[in-house]
Amino acid sequence: MKLLGKRLGVAVLLAVSVLAVGARQTVLAQKETDDPVKLQIYQRFYDNAKRNPAVAYQAARDYLQKYIKDKDEYIDYIQKWISAYESDERKQNLPNLINEKKFAEAYSTGAKILADEPDYLRAQIDLGYAGYLAASAKNESFNTTALDYARKAITAIEAGKAPADWAPFKGKDDTLAYLNYAVGFLTLKTNPDQAINALLKAAQYNSDIKKTPSTYYFLAAAYESGPYKTMSAAYQTDFANKPETPESKAALAKLNVVIDRIIDAYARAIATAGTDPKTEQSRKEWLAQVTNYYKFRHEGSDAGLTEFIAGSLQKPLPPKP
């Protein structure tokens, strides 16, 4: 499970305009008011805008609370500064909320970020992948929203856009692999056909996803619950216990292609899992599943299955039929 990295914000950059404009405003304020409290609060804002933005933020809030009715250039400037500061804080806090599994707060924060900046790619990436993190923790409340963000991020990246920083991912391909993996996982129950497309795409990139057993287990599951389930049911209805015909032979041939995809996916899941003790139980279950399919395709024999599994990763991943 990949954690989202902390990123430096741009709060310090906000101070640049404060220094450029604020010096002039401080002088003006001293000339335009005899209110010592007003001067003191504004000076606290100005002095801390660069070195301690959090203190400056509180001073700015205090200033607005007392003098909002003034509606002058200082109020207008401070309101813009506060808006920029809060936006930056939301951007910095988003990955922390996701890592802490505060998903409701994360998606609420992300919605605010994207309301201000609809094409802010970093948030789309983080929220797209967060859907997988939430769903894998048995929280599927954000599946639809996460899918929307993940797909938008994928489209944007494939069109040439890039975030300021790819972290916690290793780069463009790694990010696309994880986002497609998330789409595959999130559509596995509702649309196995889409899950197959996404998982096949995820496995094409040179990333950790290509070496992750669950990638191929989910792919096998998508084939099983999607085309295999549909085609098997149709074959049973139309041709079971009936004399063989050209139509039944054609239908069985198509079904066998899907079965071969399932066998291949389970074999890859087992091969990538290796001897990791953490995957021992899963490997036993996957081996039981693949053995049944393999025997069906080899007249009840499992001869050659061990060798097939061992060599599965040396072969190209077969495309969707």
C-alpha atoms as a PDB file:
ATOM      1  CA  MET A   1       0.000   0.000   0.000  1.00  0.00           C
ATOM      2  CA  LYS A   2       1.646   3.225  -1.129  1.00  0.00           C
ATOM      3  CA  LEU A   3       1.443   6.227   1.212  1.00  0.00           C
ATOM      4  CA  LEU A   4       1.077   9.701  -0.188  1.00  0.00           C
ATOM      5  CA  GLY A   5       4.080  11.899   0.434  1.00  0.00           C
ATOM      6  CA  LYS A   6       4.187  15.191   2.271  1.00  0.00           C
ATOM      7  CA  ARG A   7       4.824  18.172   0.018  1.00  0.00           C
ATOM      8  CA  LEU A   8       6.159  21.601   0.761  1.00  0.00           C
ATOM      9  CA  GLY A   9       3.513  24.245   0.316  1.00  0.00           C
ATOM     10  CA  VAL A  10       3.662  27.655  -1.256  1.00  0.00           C
ATOM     11  CA  ALA A  11       2.817  29.610   1.884  1.00  0.00           C
ATOM     12  CA  VAL A  12       6.253  31.209   1.810  1.00  0.00           C
ATOM     13  CA  LEU A  13       5.643  32.315  -1.764  1.00  0.00           C
ATOM     14  CA  LEU A  14       2.568  34.169  -0.609  1.00  0.00           C
ATOM     15  CA  ALA A  15       4.831  36.368   1.448  1.00  0.00           C
ATOM     16  CA  VAL A  16       6.559  37.699  -1.657  1.00  0.00           C
ATOM     17  CA  SER A  17       3.557  39.775  -2.589  1.00  0.00           C
ATOM     18  CA  VAL A  18       3.154  40.774   1.034  1.00  0.00           C
ATOM     19  CA  LEU A  19       6.672  42.162   1.082  1.00  0.00           C
ATOM     20  CA  ALA A  20       6.131  43.924  -2.208  1.00  0.00           C
ATOM     21  CA  VAL A  21       2.765  45.425  -1.359  1.00  0.00           C
ATOM     22  CA  GLY A  22       2.740  45.148   2.400  1.00  0.00           C
ATOM     23  CA  ALA A  23       5.577  47.594   2.997  1.00  0.00           C
ATOM     24  CA  ARG A  24       3.652  50.294   1.183  1.00  0.00           C
ATOM     25  CA  GLN A  25       0.462  49.377   3.001  1.00  0.00           C
ATOM     26  CA  THR A  26       2.116  49.497   6.421  1.00  0.00           C
ATOM     27  CA  VAL A  27       3.207  53.061   5.812  1.00  0.00           C
ATOM     28  CA  LEU A  28      -0.214  54.007   4.532  1.00  0.00           C
ATOM     29  CA  ALA A  29      -1.891  52.369   7.482  1.00  0.00           C
ATOM     30  CA  GLN A  30       0.229  54.387   9.867  1.00  0.00           C
ATOM     31  CA  LYS A  31      -0.900  57.571   8.179  1.00  0.00           C
ATOM     32  CA  GLU A  32      -4.545  56.634   7.777  1.00  0.00           C
ATOM     33  CA  THR A  33      -5.464  55.419  11.257  1.00  0.00           C
ATOM     34  CA  ASP A  34      -4.922  56.403  14.847  1.00  0.00           C
ATOM     35  CA  ASP A  35      -6.167  53.026  16.078  1.00  0.00           C
ATOM     36  CA  PRO A  36      -3.159  51.412  17.817  1.00  0.00           C
ATOM     37  CA  VAL A  37      -4.864  47.997  17.880  1.00  0.00           C
ATOM     38  CA  LYS A  38      -5.430  48.104  14.144  1.00  0.00           C
ATOM     39  CA  LEU A  39      -1.790  49.012  13.573  1.00  0.00           C
ATOM     40  CA  GLN A  40      -0.592  46.300  15.952  1.00  0.00           C
ATOM     41  CA  ILE A  41      -2.642  43.525  14.319  1.00  0.00           C
ATOM     42  CA  TYR A  42      -1.653  44.558  10.811  1.00  0.00           C
ATOM     43  CA  GLN A  43       1.998  44.791  11.815  1.00  0.00           C
ATOM     44  CA  ARG A  44       1.809  41.267  13.265  1.00  0.00           C
ATOM     45  CA  PHE A  45       0.372  40.048   9.973  1.00  0.00           C
ATOM     46  CA  TYR A  46       3.047  41.806   7.933  1.00  0.00           C
ATOM     47  CA  ASP A  47       5.995  40.759  10.114  1.00  0.00           C
ATOM     48  CA  ASN A  48       5.065  37.066  10.018  1.00  0.00           C
ATOM     49  CA  ALA A  49       3.795  36.658   6.481  1.00  0.00           C
ATOM     50  CA  LYS A  50       7.144  35.297   5.320  1.00  0.00           C
ATOM     51  CA  ARG A  51       8.764  33.724   8.362  1.00  0.00           C
ATOM     52  CA  ASN A  52       5.674  32.325  10.086  1.00  0.00           C
ATOM     53  CA  PRO A  53       2.603  32.214   7.833  1.00  0.00           C
ATOM     54  CA  ALA A  54       0.496  30.437  10.479  1.00  0.00           C
ATOM     55  CA  VAL A  55       0.891  33.393  12.845  1.00  0.00           C
ATOM     56  CA  ALA A  56       0.244  35.794   9.970  1.00  0.00           C
ATOM     57  CA  TYR A  57      -2.911  33.882   9.135  1.00  0.00           C
ATOM     58  CA  GLN A  58      -4.289  34.267  12.650  1.00  0.00           C
ATOM     59  CA  ALA A  59      -3.422  37.961  12.613  1.00  0.00           C
ATOM     60  CA  ALA A  60      -5.173  38.335   9.259  1.00  0.00           C
ATOM     61  CA  ARG A  61      -8.271  36.626  10.664  1.00  0.00           C
ATOM     62  CA  ASP A  62      -8.185  38.904  13.703  1.00  0.00           C
ATOM     63  CA  TYR A  63      -7.886  41.941  11.448  1.00  0.00           C
ATOM     64  CA  LEU A  64     -10.884  40.898   9.361  1.00  0.00           C
ATOM     65  CA  GLN A  65     -12.966  40.146  12.407  1.00  0.00           C
ATOM     66  CA  LYS A  66     -12.484  43.654  13.814  1.00  0.00           C
ATOM     67  CA  TYR A  67     -12.268  45.773  10.670  1.00  0.00           C
ATOM     68  CA  ILE A  68     -14.195  43.959   7.928  1.00  0.00           C
ATOM     69  CA  LYS A  69     -16.589  46.903   7.617  1.00  0.00           C
ATOM     70  CA  ASP A  70     -13.772  49.176   6.465  1.00  0.00           C
ATOM     71  CA  LYS A  71     -13.926  47.578   2.962  1.00  0.00           C
ATOM     72  CA  ASP A  72     -10.655  49.248   1.932  1.00  0.00           C
ATOM     73  CA  GLU A  73      -7.616  48.024   0.019  1.00  0.00           C
ATOM     74  CA  TYR A  74      -6.172  46.414   3.154  1.00  0.00           C
ATOM     75  CA  ILE A  75      -9.272  44.317   3.745  1.00  0.00           C
ATOM     76  CA  ASP A  76      -9.334  43.294   0.088  1.00  0.00           C
ATOM     77  CA  TYR A  77      -5.674  42.314   0.157  1.00  0.00           C
ATOM     78  CA  ILE A  78      -5.901  40.365   3.406  1.00  0.00           C
ATOM     79  CA  GLN A  79      -8.962  38.488   2.162  1.00  0.00           C
ATOM     80  CA  LYS A  80      -7.044  37.410  -0.935  1.00  0.00           C
ATOM     81  CA  TRP A  81      -4.046  36.425   1.189  1.00  0.00           C
ATOM     82  CA  ILE A  82      -6.234  34.334   3.492  1.00  0.00           C
ATOM     83  CA  SER A  83      -7.880  32.617   0.533  1.00  0.00           C
ATOM     84  CA  ALA A  84      -4.484  31.717  -0.940  1.00  0.00           C
ATOM     85  CA  TYR A  85      -3.164  30.544   2.435  1.00  0.00           C
ATOM     86  CA  GLU A  86      -6.191  28.320   3.087  1.00  0.00           C
ATOM     87  CA  SER A  87      -5.943  26.855  -0.397  1.00  0.00           C
ATOM     88  CA  ASP A  88      -2.300  26.004   0.198  1.00  0.00           C
ATOM     89  CA  GLU A  89      -3.088  24.481   3.586  1.00  0.00           C
ATOM     90  CA  ARG A  90      -5.730  22.245   2.026  1.00  0.00           C
ATOM     91  CA  LYS A  91      -3.265  21.076  -0.629  1.00  0.00           C
ATOM     92  CA  GLN A  92      -0.636  20.263   1.983  1.00  0.00           C
ATOM     93  CA  ASN A  93      -3.095  18.538   4.292  1.00  0.00           C
ATOM     94  CA  LEU A  94      -4.788  16.326   1.701  1.00  0.00           C
ATOM     95  CA  PRO A  95      -2.137  13.553   1.568  1.00  0.00           C
ATOM     96  CA  ASN A  96      -1.922  13.528   5.365  1.00  0.00           C
ATOM     97  CA  LEU A  97      -5.678  12.988   5.652  1.00  0.00           C
ATOM     98  CA  ILE A  98      -5.488  10.121   3.158  1.00  0.00           C
ATOM     99  CA  ASN A  99      -2.549   8.487   4.911  1.00  0.00           C
ATOM    100  CA  GLU A 100      -4.399   8.774   8.218  1.00  0.00           C
ATOM    101  CA  LYS A 101      -7.437   7.126   6.567  1.00  0.00           C
ATOM    102  CA  LYS A 102      -9.632  10.134   7.244  1.00  0.00           C
ATOM    103  CA  PHE A 103     -11.287   9.585   3.903  1.00  0.00           C
ATOM    104  CA  ALA A 104     -14.463  11.624   4.438  1.00  0.00           C
ATOM    105  CA  GLU A 105     -12.407  14.660   5.420  1.00  0.00           C
ATOM    106  CA  ALA A 106      -9.974  14.013   2.582  1.00  0.00           C
ATOM    107  CA  TYR A 107     -12.701  13.983  -0.064  1.00  0.00           C
ATOM    108  CA  SER A 108     -14.334  17.055   1.455  1.00  0.00           C
ATOM    109  CA  THR A 109     -10.990  18.859   1.391  1.00  0.00           C
ATOM    110  CA  GLY A 110     -10.301  17.657  -2.137  1.00  0.00           C
ATOM    111  CA  ALA A 111     -13.669  18.922  -3.334  1.00  0.00           C
ATOM    112  CA  LYS A 112     -12.796  22.405  -2.047  1.00  0.00           C
ATOM    113  CA  ILE A 113      -9.402  22.317  -3.733  1.00  0.00           C
ATOM    114  CA  LEU A 114     -10.899  21.284  -7.062  1.00  0.00           C
ATOM    115  CA  ALA A 115     -13.755  23.760  -6.768  1.00  0.00           C
ATOM    116  CA  ASP A 116     -11.092  26.500  -6.821  1.00  0.00           C
ATOM    117  CA  GLU A 117      -8.827  24.736  -9.330  1.00  0.00           C
ATOM    118  CA  PRO A 118     -10.803  22.143 -11.359  1.00  0.00           C
ATOM    119  CA  ASP A 119      -7.694  20.935 -13.215  1.00  0.00           C
ATOM    120  CA  TYR A 120      -5.387  20.610 -10.195  1.00  0.00           C
ATOM    121  CA  LEU A 121      -3.796  17.302 -11.158  1.00  0.00           C
ATOM    122  CA  ARG A 122      -2.111  16.521  -7.842  1.00  0.00           C
ATOM    123  CA  ALA A 123      -5.461  16.350  -6.037  1.00  0.00           C
ATOM    124  CA  GLN A 124      -7.023  14.271  -8.814  1.00  0.00           C
ATOM    125  CA  ILE A 125      -4.184  11.748  -8.565  1.00  0.00           C
ATOM    126  CA  ASP A 126      -4.306  11.560  -4.765  1.00  0.00           C
ATOM    127  CA  LEU A 127      -8.089  11.267  -4.582  1.00  0.00           C
ATOM    128  CA  GLY A 128      -8.195   8.725  -7.398  1.00  0.00           C
ATOM    129  CA  TYR A 129      -5.747   6.450  -5.625  1.00  0.00           C
ATOM    130  CA  ALA A 130      -7.368   7.132  -2.242  1.00  0.00           C
ATOM    131  CA  GLY A 131     -10.472   5.364  -3.513  1.00  0.00           C
ATOM    132  CA  TYR A 132      -8.491   2.146  -3.706  1.00  0.00           C
ATOM    133  CA  LEU A 133      -7.066   2.697  -0.213  1.00  0.00           C
ATOM    134  CA  ALA A 134     -10.547   3.299   1.196  1.00  0.00           C
ATOM    135  CA  ALA A 135     -12.189   0.384  -0.622  1.00  0.00           C
ATOM    136  CA  SER A 136      -9.416  -2.014   0.371  1.00  0.00           C
ATOM    137  CA  ALA A 137     -10.145  -0.958   3.967  1.00  0.00           C
ATOM    138  CA  LYS A 138     -13.812  -1.972   3.443  1.00  0.00           C
ATOM    139  CA  ASN A 139     -15.026   1.583   2.856  1.00  0.00           C
ATOM    140  CA  GLU A 140     -16.649   1.790  -0.577  1.00  0.00           C
ATOM    141  CA  SER A 141     -18.427   5.094   0.035  1.00  0.00           C
ATOM    142  CA  PHE A 142     -16.090   6.974  -2.282  1.00  0.00           C
ATOM    143  CA  ASN A 143     -15.815   4.515  -5.172  1.00  0.00           C
ATOM    144  CA  THR A 144     -17.771   6.581  -7.681  1.00  0.00           C
ATOM    145  CA  THR A 145     -16.044   9.841  -6.798  1.00  0.00           C
ATOM    146  CA  ALA A 146     -12.615   8.222  -6.777  1.00  0.00           C
ATOM    147  CA  LEU A 147     -13.200   6.635 -10.182  1.00  0.00           C
ATOM    148  CA  ASP A 148     -14.080  10.031 -11.626  1.00  0.00           C
ATOM    149  CA  TYR A 149     -10.906  11.583 -10.236  1.00  0.00           C
ATOM    150  CA  ALA A 150      -8.705   8.663 -11.308  1.00  0.00           C
ATOM    151  CA  ARG A 151     -10.021   8.711 -14.865  1.00  0.00           C
ATOM    152  CA  LYS A 152      -9.594  12.481 -15.130  1.00  0.00           C
ATOM    153  CA  ALA A 153      -6.034  12.176 -13.853  1.00  0.00           C
ATOM    154  CA  ILE A 154      -5.228   9.382 -16.312  1.00  0.00           C
ATOM    155  CA  THR A 155      -6.627  11.406 -19.215  1.00  0.00           C
ATOM    156  CA  ALA A 156      -4.690  14.499 -18.193  1.00  0.00           C
ATOM    157  CA  ILE A 157      -1.386  12.636 -17.746  1.00  0.00           C
ATOM    158  CA  GLU A 158      -1.774  10.796 -21.052  1.00  0.00           C
ATOM    159  CA  ALA A 159      -2.388  14.191 -22.679  1.00  0.00           C
ATOM    160  CA  GLY A 160       1.002  15.374 -21.437  1.00  0.00           C
ATOM    161  CA  LYS A 161       0.164  17.106 -18.178  1.00  0.00           C
ATOM    162  CA  ALA A 162       2.247  16.505 -15.056  1.00  0.00           C
ATOM    163  CA  PRO A 163       2.035  17.494 -11.392  1.00  0.00           C
ATOM    164  CA  ALA A 164       4.785  19.555  -9.790  1.00  0.00           C
ATOM    165  CA  ASP A 165       5.957  16.383  -8.057  1.00  0.00           C
ATOM    166  CA  TRP A 166       5.173  12.740  -8.911  1.00  0.00           C
ATOM    167  CA  ALA A 167       5.799  11.551  -5.324  1.00  0.00           C
ATOM    168  CA  PRO A 168       4.866   9.205  -3.747  1.00  0.00           C
ATOM    169  CA  PHE A 169       4.977   7.524  -7.156  1.00  0.00           C
ATOM    170  CA  LYS A 170       8.233   7.058  -9.025  1.00  0.00           C
ATOM    171  CA  GLY A 171       7.228   8.939 -12.146  1.00  0.00           C
ATOM    172  CA  LYS A 172       4.688   9.152 -14.931  1.00  0.00           C
ATOM    173  CA  ASP A 173       4.456   5.438 -15.737  1.00  0.00           C
ATOM    174  CA  ASP A 174       4.325   4.419 -12.092  1.00  0.00           C
ATOM    175  CA  THR A 175       1.519   6.905 -11.458  1.00  0.00           C
ATOM    176  CA  LEU A 176      -0.473   5.646 -14.444  1.00  0.00           C
ATOM    177  CA  ALA A 177       0.047   2.048 -13.321  1.00  0.00           C
ATOM    178  CA  TYR A 178      -1.312   2.736  -9.848  1.00  0.00           C
ATOM    179  CA  LEU A 179      -4.241   4.803 -11.121  1.00  0.00           C
ATOM    180  CA  ASN A 180      -5.256   2.095 -13.602  1.00  0.00           C
ATOM    181  CA  TYR A 181      -4.860  -0.492 -10.860  1.00  0.00           C
ATOM    182  CA  ALA A 182      -7.201   1.596  -8.688  1.00  0.00           C
ATOM    183  CA  VAL A 183      -9.742   1.802 -11.520  1.00  0.00           C
ATOM    184  CA  GLY A 184      -9.531  -1.964 -11.987  1.00  0.00           C
ATOM    185  CA  PHE A 185     -10.061  -2.620  -8.308  1.00  0.00           C
ATOM    186  CA  LEU A 186     -12.930  -0.136  -7.995  1.00  0.00           C
ATOM    187  CA  THR A 187     -14.811  -1.530 -11.015  1.00  0.00           C
ATOM    188  CA  LEU A 188     -14.219  -5.208 -10.238  1.00  0.00           C
ATOM    189  CA  LYS A 189     -17.663  -5.744  -8.688  1.00  0.00           C
ATOM    190  CA  THR A 190     -19.734  -3.394 -10.810  1.00  0.00           C
ATOM    191  CA  ASN A 191     -18.140  -3.655 -14.256  1.00  0.00           C
ATOM    192  CA  PRO A 192     -15.681  -6.554 -14.660  1.00  0.00           C
ATOM    193  CA  ASP A 193     -15.211  -5.750 -18.337  1.00  0.00           C
ATOM    194  CA  GLN A 194     -13.849  -2.300 -17.477  1.00  0.00           C
ATOM    195  CA  ALA A 195     -11.772  -3.847 -14.703  1.00  0.00           C
ATOM    196  CA  ILE A 196     -10.097  -6.171 -17.207  1.00  0.00           C
ATOM    197  CA  ASN A 197      -9.178  -3.227 -19.442  1.00  0.00           C
ATOM    198  CA  ALA A 198      -7.770  -1.203 -16.553  1.00  0.00           C
ATOM    199  CA  LEU A 199      -5.797  -4.071 -15.005  1.00  0.00           C
ATOM    200  CA  LEU A 200      -4.287  -5.117 -18.331  1.00  0.00           C
ATOM    201  CA  LYS A 201      -3.231  -1.512 -18.859  1.00  0.00           C
ATOM    202  CA  ALA A 202      -1.818  -1.246 -15.322  1.00  0.00           C
ATOM    203  CA  ALA A 203       0.326  -4.336 -15.866  1.00  0.00           C
ATOM    204  CA  GLN A 204       1.865  -2.938 -19.058  1.00  0.00           C
ATOM    205  CA  TYR A 205       3.810  -0.213 -17.251  1.00  0.00           C
ATOM    206  CA  ASN A 206       7.238  -0.891 -15.786  1.00  0.00           C
ATOM    207  CA  SER A 207       6.235  -0.378 -12.163  1.00  0.00           C
ATOM    208  CA  ASP A 208       5.721  -2.270  -8.925  1.00  0.00           C
ATOM    209  CA  ILE A 209       2.149  -2.997 -10.048  1.00  0.00           C
ATOM    210  CA  LYS A 210       3.582  -5.291 -12.732  1.00  0.00           C
ATOM    211  CA  LYS A 211       5.204  -7.337  -9.954  1.00  0.00           C
ATOM    212  CA  THR A 212       2.235  -7.324  -7.572  1.00  0.00           C
ATOM    213  CA  PRO A 213       0.324 -10.632  -7.197  1.00  0.00           C
ATOM    214  CA  SER A 214      -3.022  -8.927  -6.587  1.00  0.00           C
ATOM    215  CA  THR A 215      -2.863  -7.318 -10.026  1.00  0.00           C
ATOM    216  CA  TYR A 216      -3.186 -10.743 -11.633  1.00  0.00           C
ATOM    217  CA  TYR A 217      -5.548 -12.141  -9.024  1.00  0.00           C
ATOM    218  CA  PHE A 218      -7.943  -9.251  -9.655  1.00  0.00           C
ATOM    219  CA  LEU A 219      -7.521  -9.814 -13.397  1.00  0.00           C
ATOM    220  CA  ALA A 220      -8.454 -13.487 -12.985  1.00  0.00           C
ATOM    221  CA  ALA A 221     -11.431 -12.501 -10.831  1.00  0.00           C
ATOM    222  CA  ALA A 222     -12.566  -9.966 -13.437  1.00  0.00           C
ATOM    223  CA  TYR A 223     -12.437 -12.585 -16.197  1.00  0.00           C
ATOM    224  CA  GLU A 224     -14.337 -15.014 -13.969  1.00  0.00           C
ATOM    225  CA  SER A 225     -17.128 -12.669 -12.905  1.00  0.00           C
ATOM    226  CA  GLY A 226     -17.353 -11.014 -16.315  1.00  0.00           C
ATOM    227  CA  PRO A 227     -17.007 -12.839 -19.648  1.00  0.00           C
ATOM    228  CA  TYR A 228     -16.590 -16.348 -18.192  1.00  0.00           C
ATOM    229  CA  LYS A 229     -19.764 -16.112 -16.115  1.00  0.00           C
ATOM    230  CA  THR A 230     -21.771 -14.726 -19.031  1.00  0.00           C
ATOM    231  CA  MET A 231     -20.433 -17.103 -21.672  1.00  0.00           C
ATOM    232  CA  SER A 232     -20.578 -20.172 -19.439  1.00  0.00           C
ATOM    233  CA  ALA A 233     -24.220 -19.495 -18.536  1.00  0.00           C
ATOM    234  CA  ALA A 234     -25.090 -18.995 -22.201  1.00  0.00           C
ATOM    235  CA  TYR A 235     -23.330 -22.214 -23.181  1.00  0.00           C
ATOM    236  CA  GLN A 236     -25.182 -24.189 -20.520  1.00  0.00           C
ATOM    237  CA  THR A 237     -28.511 -22.778 -21.664  1.00  0.00           C
ATOM    238  CA  ASP A 238     -27.969 -23.230 -25.382  1.00  0.00           C
ATOM    239  CA  PHE A 239     -25.792 -26.320 -25.766  1.00  0.00           C
ATOM    240  CA  ALA A 240     -25.453 -28.393 -22.578  1.00  0.00           C
ATOM    241  CA  ASN A 241     -26.541 -32.043 -22.904  1.00  0.00           C
ATOM    242  CA  LYS A 242     -27.225 -31.601 -26.604  1.00  0.00           C
ATOM    243  CA  PRO A 243     -25.506 -33.070 -29.657  1.00  0.00           C
ATOM    244  CA  GLU A 244     -22.436 -31.178 -30.766  1.00  0.00           C
ATOM    245  CA  THR A 245     -23.009 -28.672 -33.564  1.00  0.00           C
ATOM    246  CA  PRO A 246     -20.785 -26.154 -35.358  1.00  0.00           C
ATOM    247  CA  GLU A 247     -22.401 -23.463 -33.230  1.00  0.00           C
ATOM    248  CA  SER A 248     -21.695 -25.274 -29.950  1.00  0.00           C
ATOM    249  CA  LYS A 249     -18.092 -25.924 -31.018  1.00  0.00           C
ATOM    250  CA  ALA A 250     -17.618 -22.232 -31.812  1.00  0.00           C
ATOM    251  CA  ALA A 251     -19.138 -21.182 -28.501  1.00  0.00           C
ATOM    252  CA  LEU A 252     -16.943 -23.602 -26.568  1.00  0.00           C
ATOM    253  CA  ALA A 253     -13.846 -22.400 -28.406  1.00  0.00           C
ATOM    254  CA  LYS A 254     -14.597 -18.799 -27.362  1.00  0.00           C
ATOM    255  CA  LEU A 255     -15.225 -19.900 -23.791  1.00  0.00           C
ATOM    256  CA  ASN A 256     -11.936 -21.792 -23.751  1.00  0.00           C
ATOM    257  CA  VAL A 257     -10.061 -18.638 -24.750  1.00  0.00           C
ATOM    258  CA  VAL A 258     -11.456 -16.896 -21.668  1.00  0.00           C
ATOM    259  CA  ILE A 259     -10.580 -19.893 -19.493  1.00  0.00           C
ATOM    260  CA  ASP A 260      -7.029 -19.717 -20.813  1.00  0.00           C
ATOM    261  CA  ARG A 261      -6.896 -16.047 -19.770  1.00  0.00           C
ATOM    262  CA  ILE A 262      -8.020 -17.023 -16.276  1.00  0.00           C
ATOM    263  CA  ILE A 263      -5.388 -19.745 -16.075  1.00  0.00           C
ATOM    264  CA  ASP A 264      -2.706 -17.322 -17.219  1.00  0.00           C
ATOM    265  CA  ALA A 265      -3.752 -14.646 -14.695  1.00  0.00           C
ATOM    266  CA  TYR A 266      -3.774 -17.080 -11.755  1.00  0.00           C
ATOM    267  CA  ALA A 267      -0.408 -18.460 -12.840  1.00  0.00           C
ATOM    268  CA  ARG A 268       1.062 -14.947 -12.835  1.00  0.00           C
ATOM    269  CA  ALA A 269      -0.429 -14.207  -9.423  1.00  0.00           C
ATOM    270  CA  ILE A 270       1.217 -17.355  -8.002  1.00  0.00           C
ATOM    271  CA  ALA A 271       4.521 -16.695  -9.761  1.00  0.00           C
ATOM    272  CA  THR A 272       4.794 -13.076  -8.599  1.00  0.00           C
ATOM    273  CA  ALA A 273       3.881 -14.089  -5.043  1.00  0.00           C
ATOM    274  CA  GLY A 274       6.875 -16.421  -4.953  1.00  0.00           C
ATOM    275  CA  THR A 275       7.499 -17.867  -1.499  1.00  0.00           C
ATOM    276  CA  ASP A 276       6.430 -14.852   0.534  1.00  0.00           C
ATOM    277  CA  PRO A 277       4.903 -16.195   3.784  1.00  0.00           C
ATOM    278  CA  LYS A 278       2.348 -13.372   3.712  1.00  0.00           C
ATOM    279  CA  THR A 279       0.794 -14.762   0.541  1.00  0.00           C
ATOM    280  CA  GLU A 280       0.887 -18.446   1.474  1.00  0.00           C
ATOM    281  CA  GLN A 281      -2.855 -18.777   2.086  1.00  0.00           C
ATOM    282  CA  SER A 282      -3.701 -16.837  -1.050  1.00  0.00           C
ATOM    283  CA  ARG A 283      -1.313 -18.986  -3.113  1.00  0.00           C
ATOM    284  CA  LYS A 284      -3.066 -22.139  -1.913  1.00  0.00           C
ATOM    285  CA  GLU A 285      -6.440 -20.728  -2.930  1.00  0.00           C
ATOM    286  CA  TRP A 286      -5.147 -19.529  -6.293  1.00  0.00           C
ATOM    287  CA  LEU A 287      -3.504 -22.887  -6.975  1.00  0.00           C
ATOM    288  CA  ALA A 288      -6.757 -24.698  -6.241  1.00  0.00           C
ATOM    289  CA  GLN A 289      -8.611 -22.413  -8.645  1.00  0.00           C
ATOM    290  CA  VAL A 290      -6.103 -22.606 -11.463  1.00  0.00           C
ATOM    291  CA  THR A 291      -5.823 -26.380 -11.114  1.00  0.00           C
ATOM    292  CA  ASN A 292      -9.575 -26.786 -11.750  1.00  0.00           C
ATOM    293  CA  TYR A 293      -9.456 -24.631 -14.868  1.00  0.00           C
ATOM    294  CA  TYR A 294      -6.241 -26.243 -16.090  1.00  0.00           C
ATOM    295  CA  LYS A 295      -7.660 -29.751 -15.735  1.00  0.00           C
ATOM    296  CA  PHE A 296     -10.769 -28.719 -17.642  1.00  0.00           C
ATOM    297  CA  ARG A 297      -8.567 -27.600 -20.519  1.00  0.00           C
ATOM    298  CA  HIS A 298      -6.281 -30.672 -20.361  1.00  0.00           C
ATOM    299  CA  GLU A 299      -8.675 -33.606 -20.141  1.00  0.00           C
ATOM    300  CA  GLY A 300      -8.602 -33.828 -16.366  1.00  0.00           C
ATOM    301  CA  SER A 301      -4.810 -33.767 -15.997  1.00  0.00           C
ATOM    302  CA  ASP A 302      -2.670 -31.194 -14.195  1.00  0.00           C
ATOM    303  CA  ALA A 303       0.514 -32.398 -15.887  1.00  0.00           C
ATOM    304  CA  GLY A 304       2.639 -29.423 -16.885  1.00  0.00           C
ATOM    305  CA  LEU A 305       0.862 -26.945 -14.606  1.00  0.00           C
ATOM    306  CA  THR A 306       3.882 -26.392 -12.357  1.00  0.00           C
ATOM    307  CA  GLU A 307       6.040 -25.642 -15.362  1.00  0.00           C
ATOM    308  CA  PHE A 308       3.359 -23.389 -16.831  1.00  0.00           C
ATOM    309  CA  ILE A 309       3.246 -21.320 -13.632  1.00  0.00           C
ATOM    310  CA  ALA A 310       7.043 -21.118 -13.437  1.00  0.00           C
ATOM    311  CA  GLY A 311       7.299 -19.794 -16.979  1.00  0.00           C
ATOM    312  CA  SER A 312       4.247 -17.544 -16.971  1.00  0.00           C
ATOM    313  CA  LEU A 313       6.113 -14.302 -16.345  1.00  0.00           C
ATOM    314  CA  GLN A 314       8.475 -14.910 -19.243  1.00  0.00           C
ATOM    315  CA  LYS A 315       5.594 -14.620 -21.691  1.00  0.00           C
ATOM    316  CA  PRO A 316       3.776 -11.445 -22.779  1.00  0.00           C
ATOM    317  CA  LEU A 317       0.538 -10.777 -20.918  1.00  0.00           C
ATOM    318  CA  PRO A 318      -2.201 -11.974 -23.320  1.00  0.00           C
ATOM    319  CA  PRO A 319      -4.640  -9.318 -24.500  1.00  0.00           C
ATOM    320  CA  LYS A 320      -8.335  -9.301 -23.792  1.00  0.00           C
ATOM    321  CA  PRO A 321     -10.160 -11.649 -26.205  1.00  0.00           C
END
